[in-house]
Amino acid sequence: MFRAISKITIASSLVCGALSAPVSAAPPDDCQRAVDDVSASGRAIYDTAFEAQIMQYLNAANTQLSQKQNAQAMIELKTYEQELTAGIKAGKVAEKDGAGLKERLDRAMKCVSSLK
């Protein structure tokens, strides 16, 4: 029994290590696609007024990425994250939908932060 527990512990440690490993540098196009994924997913969720308010940050992030201004793109993504969190708290976005968007946003932010 101890052996089985040890194997499970080792396996879970390996999985956690793999998930927490630093992201290797991604091509800028991959990061733009990740931001586009957040954008497309969000459009299906937001109401029109909230969409107009929040999408400007994703559009600006993509523009900054195309101009190779990665730090500014990250600022736009963080602002989007703050607005999304406020929208969830205000009931403009369902918590479940918001959680899915935050996962996509996290992937996009990790991608952008990996750019040199």
C-alpha atoms as a PDB file:
ATOM      1  CA  MET A   1       0.000   0.000   0.000  1.00  0.00           C
ATOM      2  CA  PHE A   2       2.834   2.362   0.840  1.00  0.00           C
ATOM      3  CA  ARG A   3       4.328   1.684  -2.564  1.00  0.00           C
ATOM      4  CA  ALA A   4       1.076   2.645  -4.332  1.00  0.00           C
ATOM      5  CA  ILE A   5       0.851   5.865  -2.348  1.00  0.00           C
ATOM      6  CA  SER A   6       4.470   6.662  -3.200  1.00  0.00           C
ATOM      7  CA  LYS A   7       3.785   6.168  -6.903  1.00  0.00           C
ATOM      8  CA  ILE A   8       0.747   8.430  -6.727  1.00  0.00           C
ATOM      9  CA  THR A   9       2.727  11.082  -4.853  1.00  0.00           C
ATOM     10  CA  ILE A  10       5.561  10.955  -7.370  1.00  0.00           C
ATOM     11  CA  ALA A  11       3.155  11.118 -10.314  1.00  0.00           C
ATOM     12  CA  SER A  12       1.294  14.079  -8.856  1.00  0.00           C
ATOM     13  CA  SER A  13       4.596  15.858  -8.179  1.00  0.00           C
ATOM     14  CA  LEU A  14       5.639  15.367 -11.794  1.00  0.00           C
ATOM     15  CA  VAL A  15       2.324  16.700 -13.067  1.00  0.00           C
ATOM     16  CA  CYS A  16       2.500  19.742 -10.792  1.00  0.00           C
ATOM     17  CA  GLY A  17       6.068  20.388 -11.890  1.00  0.00           C
ATOM     18  CA  ALA A  18       5.113  20.190 -15.539  1.00  0.00           C
ATOM     19  CA  LEU A  19       2.193  22.559 -15.066  1.00  0.00           C
ATOM     20  CA  SER A  20       4.269  25.100 -13.177  1.00  0.00           C
ATOM     21  CA  ALA A  21       7.232  24.999 -15.554  1.00  0.00           C
ATOM     22  CA  PRO A  22       8.008  28.294 -17.271  1.00  0.00           C
ATOM     23  CA  VAL A  23       6.459  28.799 -20.656  1.00  0.00           C
ATOM     24  CA  SER A  24       8.960  28.800 -23.480  1.00  0.00           C
ATOM     25  CA  ALA A  25       8.972  31.795 -25.751  1.00  0.00           C
ATOM     26  CA  ALA A  26       6.067  31.621 -28.158  1.00  0.00           C
ATOM     27  CA  PRO A  27       5.895  33.272 -31.561  1.00  0.00           C
ATOM     28  CA  PRO A  28       4.007  36.606 -31.500  1.00  0.00           C
ATOM     29  CA  ASP A  29       1.409  35.157 -33.888  1.00  0.00           C
ATOM     30  CA  ASP A  30       0.548  32.507 -31.297  1.00  0.00           C
ATOM     31  CA  CYS A  31      -0.003  35.228 -28.722  1.00  0.00           C
ATOM     32  CA  GLN A  32      -2.241  37.174 -31.080  1.00  0.00           C
ATOM     33  CA  ARG A  33      -4.265  34.006 -31.677  1.00  0.00           C
ATOM     34  CA  ALA A  34      -4.545  33.516 -27.908  1.00  0.00           C
ATOM     35  CA  VAL A  35      -5.866  37.072 -27.513  1.00  0.00           C
ATOM     36  CA  ASP A  36      -8.248  36.471 -30.435  1.00  0.00           C
ATOM     37  CA  ASP A  37      -9.501  33.346 -28.648  1.00  0.00           C
ATOM     38  CA  VAL A  38     -10.365  35.429 -25.583  1.00  0.00           C
ATOM     39  CA  SER A  39     -12.053  37.978 -27.829  1.00  0.00           C
ATOM     40  CA  ALA A  40     -14.152  35.439 -29.737  1.00  0.00           C
ATOM     41  CA  SER A  41     -15.161  33.612 -26.573  1.00  0.00           C
ATOM     42  CA  GLY A  42     -16.112  36.855 -24.886  1.00  0.00           C
ATOM     43  CA  ARG A  43     -18.281  38.076 -27.740  1.00  0.00           C
ATOM     44  CA  ALA A  44     -20.509  35.051 -27.270  1.00  0.00           C
ATOM     45  CA  ILE A  45     -20.976  35.936 -23.601  1.00  0.00           C
ATOM     46  CA  TYR A  46     -21.143  39.725 -23.212  1.00  0.00           C
ATOM     47  CA  ASP A  47     -24.150  41.897 -23.735  1.00  0.00           C
ATOM     48  CA  THR A  48     -23.652  44.621 -26.337  1.00  0.00           C
ATOM     49  CA  ALA A  49     -23.000  47.466 -23.898  1.00  0.00           C
ATOM     50  CA  PHE A  50     -20.424  45.519 -21.892  1.00  0.00           C
ATOM     51  CA  GLU A  51     -18.775  44.292 -25.080  1.00  0.00           C
ATOM     52  CA  ALA A  52     -18.278  47.872 -26.271  1.00  0.00           C
ATOM     53  CA  GLN A  53     -16.763  48.767 -22.905  1.00  0.00           C
ATOM     54  CA  ILE A  54     -14.361  45.843 -22.560  1.00  0.00           C
ATOM     55  CA  MET A  55     -13.275  44.788 -26.055  1.00  0.00           C
ATOM     56  CA  GLN A  56     -11.171  47.899 -26.541  1.00  0.00           C
ATOM     57  CA  TYR A  57      -8.499  46.396 -24.285  1.00  0.00           C
ATOM     58  CA  LEU A  58      -8.176  43.189 -26.298  1.00  0.00           C
ATOM     59  CA  ASN A  59      -8.091  45.147 -29.549  1.00  0.00           C
ATOM     60  CA  ALA A  60      -5.387  47.405 -28.129  1.00  0.00           C
ATOM     61  CA  ALA A  61      -3.404  44.381 -26.904  1.00  0.00           C
ATOM     62  CA  ASN A  62      -3.435  42.855 -30.384  1.00  0.00           C
ATOM     63  CA  THR A  63      -2.374  46.162 -31.913  1.00  0.00           C
ATOM     64  CA  GLN A  64       0.494  46.423 -29.429  1.00  0.00           C
ATOM     65  CA  LEU A  65       1.563  42.842 -30.189  1.00  0.00           C
ATOM     66  CA  SER A  66       1.632  43.552 -33.913  1.00  0.00           C
ATOM     67  CA  GLN A  67       3.878  46.538 -33.168  1.00  0.00           C
ATOM     68  CA  LYS A  68       6.105  44.376 -30.926  1.00  0.00           C
ATOM     69  CA  GLN A  69       5.256  46.433 -27.844  1.00  0.00           C
ATOM     70  CA  ASN A  70       4.779  43.461 -25.568  1.00  0.00           C
ATOM     71  CA  ALA A  71       4.894  45.342 -22.257  1.00  0.00           C
ATOM     72  CA  GLN A  72       2.078  47.632 -23.387  1.00  0.00           C
ATOM     73  CA  ALA A  73       0.102  44.616 -24.623  1.00  0.00           C
ATOM     74  CA  MET A  74       0.421  43.070 -21.159  1.00  0.00           C
ATOM     75  CA  ILE A  75      -0.870  46.285 -19.581  1.00  0.00           C
ATOM     76  CA  GLU A  76      -3.929  46.148 -21.862  1.00  0.00           C
ATOM     77  CA  LEU A  77      -4.541  42.495 -20.949  1.00  0.00           C
ATOM     78  CA  LYS A  78      -4.295  43.275 -17.229  1.00  0.00           C
ATOM     79  CA  THR A  79      -6.762  46.136 -17.655  1.00  0.00           C
ATOM     80  CA  TYR A  80      -9.098  43.745 -19.495  1.00  0.00           C
ATOM     81  CA  GLU A  81      -8.745  41.297 -16.602  1.00  0.00           C
ATOM     82  CA  GLN A  82      -9.712  44.007 -14.098  1.00  0.00           C
ATOM     83  CA  GLU A  83     -12.733  45.028 -16.180  1.00  0.00           C
ATOM     84  CA  LEU A  84     -13.770  41.388 -16.598  1.00  0.00           C
ATOM     85  CA  THR A  85     -13.550  40.835 -12.839  1.00  0.00           C
ATOM     86  CA  ALA A  86     -15.665  43.945 -12.266  1.00  0.00           C
ATOM     87  CA  GLY A  87     -18.165  42.706 -14.864  1.00  0.00           C
ATOM     88  CA  ILE A  88     -18.437  39.350 -13.111  1.00  0.00           C
ATOM     89  CA  LYS A  89     -18.987  41.042  -9.741  1.00  0.00           C
ATOM     90  CA  ALA A  90     -21.618  43.335 -11.288  1.00  0.00           C
ATOM     91  CA  GLY A  91     -23.451  40.380 -12.828  1.00  0.00           C
ATOM     92  CA  LYS A  92     -22.731  41.414 -16.417  1.00  0.00           C
ATOM     93  CA  VAL A  93     -20.905  38.112 -16.979  1.00  0.00           C
ATOM     94  CA  ALA A  94     -21.910  34.814 -15.377  1.00  0.00           C
ATOM     95  CA  GLU A  95     -19.275  33.430 -12.998  1.00  0.00           C
ATOM     96  CA  LYS A  96     -18.942  30.184 -14.960  1.00  0.00           C
ATOM     97  CA  ASP A  97     -18.484  32.056 -18.244  1.00  0.00           C
ATOM     98  CA  GLY A  98     -16.078  34.467 -16.592  1.00  0.00           C
ATOM     99  CA  ALA A  99     -13.989  31.596 -15.257  1.00  0.00           C
ATOM    100  CA  GLY A 100     -13.642  30.197 -18.774  1.00  0.00           C
ATOM    101  CA  LEU A 101     -12.626  33.591 -20.108  1.00  0.00           C
ATOM    102  CA  LYS A 102     -10.095  34.023 -17.317  1.00  0.00           C
ATOM    103  CA  GLU A 103      -8.516  30.668 -18.225  1.00  0.00           C
ATOM    104  CA  ARG A 104      -8.155  31.774 -21.843  1.00  0.00           C
ATOM    105  CA  LEU A 105      -6.879  35.158 -20.722  1.00  0.00           C
ATOM    106  CA  ASP A 106      -4.316  33.497 -18.467  1.00  0.00           C
ATOM    107  CA  ARG A 107      -2.987  31.511 -21.438  1.00  0.00           C
ATOM    108  CA  ALA A 108      -2.764  34.694 -23.501  1.00  0.00           C
ATOM    109  CA  MET A 109      -0.978  36.549 -20.700  1.00  0.00           C
ATOM    110  CA  LYS A 110       1.526  33.723 -20.238  1.00  0.00           C
ATOM    111  CA  CYS A 111       2.183  33.771 -23.963  1.00  0.00           C
ATOM    112  CA  VAL A 112       2.749  37.528 -24.026  1.00  0.00           C
ATOM    113  CA  SER A 113       4.981  37.410 -20.956  1.00  0.00           C
ATOM    114  CA  SER A 114       7.140  34.779 -22.676  1.00  0.00           C
ATOM    115  CA  LEU A 115       7.898  37.097 -25.600  1.00  0.00           C
ATOM    116  CA  LYS A 116      11.311  38.704 -25.643  1.00  0.00           C
END
